[in-house]
Amino acid sequence: MDTLGLAAIGLPDAQMRFTKLEAGFVAGWMHAIGLYMFGQGDVIAEGDVVPAPVPGEHWACSHQMSAAPPERVVANIAPSPKYAGFGTAGRAALSLSR
């Protein structure tokens, strides 16, 4: 899932690959990530973490090419292994409520 549209205004979109979360739930959370990036700019740096939509978790971010067309740079959010097989790592957590 990604926030297709931010690249059109010079910001990276956010994307996340997941398997064990309800898509509608993730869509609402991704919308919040997109709004945060729209308001704050390209502030999610390599290795930063974002608060996860599940209690007690923060998920790592990295910049990479999008998994879905059109090809563009995205802030990839890697959920914990129990949701998608990716590990977590990173620096200070970002608040989506700024």
C-alpha atoms as a PDB file:
ATOM      1  CA  MET A   1       0.000   0.000   0.000  1.00  0.00           C
ATOM      2  CA  ASP A   2       1.284   3.497  -0.683  1.00  0.00           C
ATOM      3  CA  THR A   3       0.254   7.137  -0.523  1.00  0.00           C
ATOM      4  CA  LEU A   4       0.437   7.724  -4.274  1.00  0.00           C
ATOM      5  CA  GLY A   5       0.303  11.450  -5.010  1.00  0.00           C
ATOM      6  CA  LEU A   6       2.915  13.118  -2.828  1.00  0.00           C
ATOM      7  CA  ALA A   7       5.628  12.635  -5.457  1.00  0.00           C
ATOM      8  CA  ALA A   8       3.651  14.973  -7.736  1.00  0.00           C
ATOM      9  CA  ILE A   9       4.427  17.832  -5.333  1.00  0.00           C
ATOM     10  CA  GLY A  10       8.077  16.901  -4.768  1.00  0.00           C
ATOM     11  CA  LEU A  11       7.688  14.763  -1.643  1.00  0.00           C
ATOM     12  CA  PRO A  12       8.335  11.056  -1.302  1.00  0.00           C
ATOM     13  CA  ASP A  13       5.275   8.864  -1.005  1.00  0.00           C
ATOM     14  CA  ALA A  14       5.171   6.354   1.840  1.00  0.00           C
ATOM     15  CA  GLN A  15       4.748   2.644   1.210  1.00  0.00           C
ATOM     16  CA  MET A  16       4.373  -0.410   3.378  1.00  0.00           C
ATOM     17  CA  ARG A  17       4.159  -4.106   2.551  1.00  0.00           C
ATOM     18  CA  PHE A  18       2.187  -6.121   5.071  1.00  0.00           C
ATOM     19  CA  THR A  19       0.323  -9.392   5.361  1.00  0.00           C
ATOM     20  CA  LYS A  20      -1.325  -9.675   8.769  1.00  0.00           C
ATOM     21  CA  LEU A  21      -3.134  -6.354   9.160  1.00  0.00           C
ATOM     22  CA  GLU A  22      -6.578  -5.348   7.901  1.00  0.00           C
ATOM     23  CA  ALA A  23      -6.193  -3.214   4.755  1.00  0.00           C
ATOM     24  CA  GLY A  24      -8.787  -0.608   5.762  1.00  0.00           C
ATOM     25  CA  PHE A  25      -7.051  -0.103   9.091  1.00  0.00           C
ATOM     26  CA  VAL A  26      -3.675   0.328   7.394  1.00  0.00           C
ATOM     27  CA  ALA A  27      -5.195   2.721   4.829  1.00  0.00           C
ATOM     28  CA  GLY A  28      -6.300   5.087   7.605  1.00  0.00           C
ATOM     29  CA  TRP A  29      -2.876   4.931   9.228  1.00  0.00           C
ATOM     30  CA  MET A  30      -1.097   5.493   5.889  1.00  0.00           C
ATOM     31  CA  HIS A  31      -3.367   8.485   5.301  1.00  0.00           C
ATOM     32  CA  ALA A  32      -2.092   9.939   8.591  1.00  0.00           C
ATOM     33  CA  ILE A  33       1.515   9.328   7.480  1.00  0.00           C
ATOM     34  CA  GLY A  34       0.776  11.087   4.173  1.00  0.00           C
ATOM     35  CA  LEU A  35      -0.815  14.071   5.932  1.00  0.00           C
ATOM     36  CA  TYR A  36       2.188  14.302   8.238  1.00  0.00           C
ATOM     37  CA  MET A  37       4.603  14.317   5.289  1.00  0.00           C
ATOM     38  CA  PHE A  38       2.434  16.817   3.394  1.00  0.00           C
ATOM     39  CA  GLY A  39       2.482  19.211   6.351  1.00  0.00           C
ATOM     40  CA  GLN A  40       6.090  18.699   7.480  1.00  0.00           C
ATOM     41  CA  GLY A  41       7.883  17.935   4.217  1.00  0.00           C
ATOM     42  CA  ASP A  42      10.470  15.247   3.550  1.00  0.00           C
ATOM     43  CA  VAL A  43      11.383  14.819   7.230  1.00  0.00           C
ATOM     44  CA  ILE A  44      11.443  11.030   7.500  1.00  0.00           C
ATOM     45  CA  ALA A  45      15.140  10.207   7.210  1.00  0.00           C
ATOM     46  CA  GLU A  46      16.858   6.907   6.564  1.00  0.00           C
ATOM     47  CA  GLY A  47      16.653   4.841   9.740  1.00  0.00           C
ATOM     48  CA  ASP A  48      13.964   6.928  11.444  1.00  0.00           C
ATOM     49  CA  VAL A  49      11.063   5.096  13.020  1.00  0.00           C
ATOM     50  CA  VAL A  50       7.361   5.939  13.035  1.00  0.00           C
ATOM     51  CA  PRO A  51       4.777   4.950  15.638  1.00  0.00           C
ATOM     52  CA  ALA A  52       3.092   1.783  14.412  1.00  0.00           C
ATOM     53  CA  PRO A  53      -0.691   1.371  14.266  1.00  0.00           C
ATOM     54  CA  VAL A  54      -0.320  -1.427  16.819  1.00  0.00           C
ATOM     55  CA  PRO A  55       0.419  -0.615  20.475  1.00  0.00           C
ATOM     56  CA  GLY A  56       4.009  -0.584  21.649  1.00  0.00           C
ATOM     57  CA  GLU A  57       5.708  -0.785  18.256  1.00  0.00           C
ATOM     58  CA  HIS A  58       7.687   1.626  16.101  1.00  0.00           C
ATOM     59  CA  TRP A  59       8.568   0.683  12.530  1.00  0.00           C
ATOM     60  CA  ALA A  60      11.758   1.549  10.650  1.00  0.00           C
ATOM     61  CA  CYS A  61      11.845   3.688   7.517  1.00  0.00           C
ATOM     62  CA  SER A  62      14.196   3.743   4.554  1.00  0.00           C
ATOM     63  CA  HIS A  63      14.164   5.494   1.199  1.00  0.00           C
ATOM     64  CA  GLN A  64      13.897   3.190  -1.813  1.00  0.00           C
ATOM     65  CA  MET A  65      12.208   2.885  -5.167  1.00  0.00           C
ATOM     66  CA  SER A  66       8.487   2.203  -5.116  1.00  0.00           C
ATOM     67  CA  ALA A  67       7.193  -1.346  -5.372  1.00  0.00           C
ATOM     68  CA  ALA A  68       4.225  -0.226  -7.505  1.00  0.00           C
ATOM     69  CA  PRO A  69       4.158   2.069 -10.544  1.00  0.00           C
ATOM     70  CA  PRO A  70       4.857   4.800 -11.226  1.00  0.00           C
ATOM     71  CA  GLU A  71       8.495   4.362 -10.301  1.00  0.00           C
ATOM     72  CA  ARG A  72       9.480   6.958  -7.695  1.00  0.00           C
ATOM     73  CA  VAL A  73      11.370   7.297  -4.428  1.00  0.00           C
ATOM     74  CA  VAL A  74       9.286   6.395  -1.382  1.00  0.00           C
ATOM     75  CA  ALA A  75       9.733   6.292   2.366  1.00  0.00           C
ATOM     76  CA  ASN A  76       9.401   2.562   2.892  1.00  0.00           C
ATOM     77  CA  ILE A  77       7.957   1.585   6.276  1.00  0.00           C
ATOM     78  CA  ALA A  78       9.042  -1.859   7.431  1.00  0.00           C
ATOM     79  CA  PRO A  79       6.612  -3.467   9.890  1.00  0.00           C
ATOM     80  CA  SER A  80       7.847  -5.878  12.527  1.00  0.00           C
ATOM     81  CA  PRO A  81       8.370  -9.487  11.409  1.00  0.00           C
ATOM     82  CA  LYS A  82       5.019 -10.676  12.762  1.00  0.00           C
ATOM     83  CA  TYR A  83       3.263  -8.435  10.213  1.00  0.00           C
ATOM     84  CA  ALA A  84       5.534  -8.627   7.167  1.00  0.00           C
ATOM     85  CA  GLY A  85       8.851 -10.309   7.843  1.00  0.00           C
ATOM     86  CA  PHE A  86      10.875  -7.103   8.188  1.00  0.00           C
ATOM     87  CA  GLY A  87      12.945  -6.110  11.220  1.00  0.00           C
ATOM     88  CA  THR A  88      12.800  -2.814  13.076  1.00  0.00           C
ATOM     89  CA  ALA A  89      15.641  -0.386  13.699  1.00  0.00           C
ATOM     90  CA  GLY A  90      16.082   3.312  13.799  1.00  0.00           C
ATOM     91  CA  ARG A  91      16.608   6.566  15.589  1.00  0.00           C
ATOM     92  CA  ALA A  92      14.176   8.689  17.558  1.00  0.00           C
ATOM     93  CA  ALA A  93      10.470   8.149  16.949  1.00  0.00           C
ATOM     94  CA  LEU A  94       8.580  10.765  14.958  1.00  0.00           C
ATOM     95  CA  SER A  95       5.301  12.115  16.242  1.00  0.00           C
ATOM     96  CA  LEU A  96       2.481  12.140  13.714  1.00  0.00           C
ATOM     97  CA  SER A  97       0.632  14.749  15.748  1.00  0.00           C
ATOM     98  CA  ARG A  98       2.873  17.732  14.930  1.00  0.00           C
END
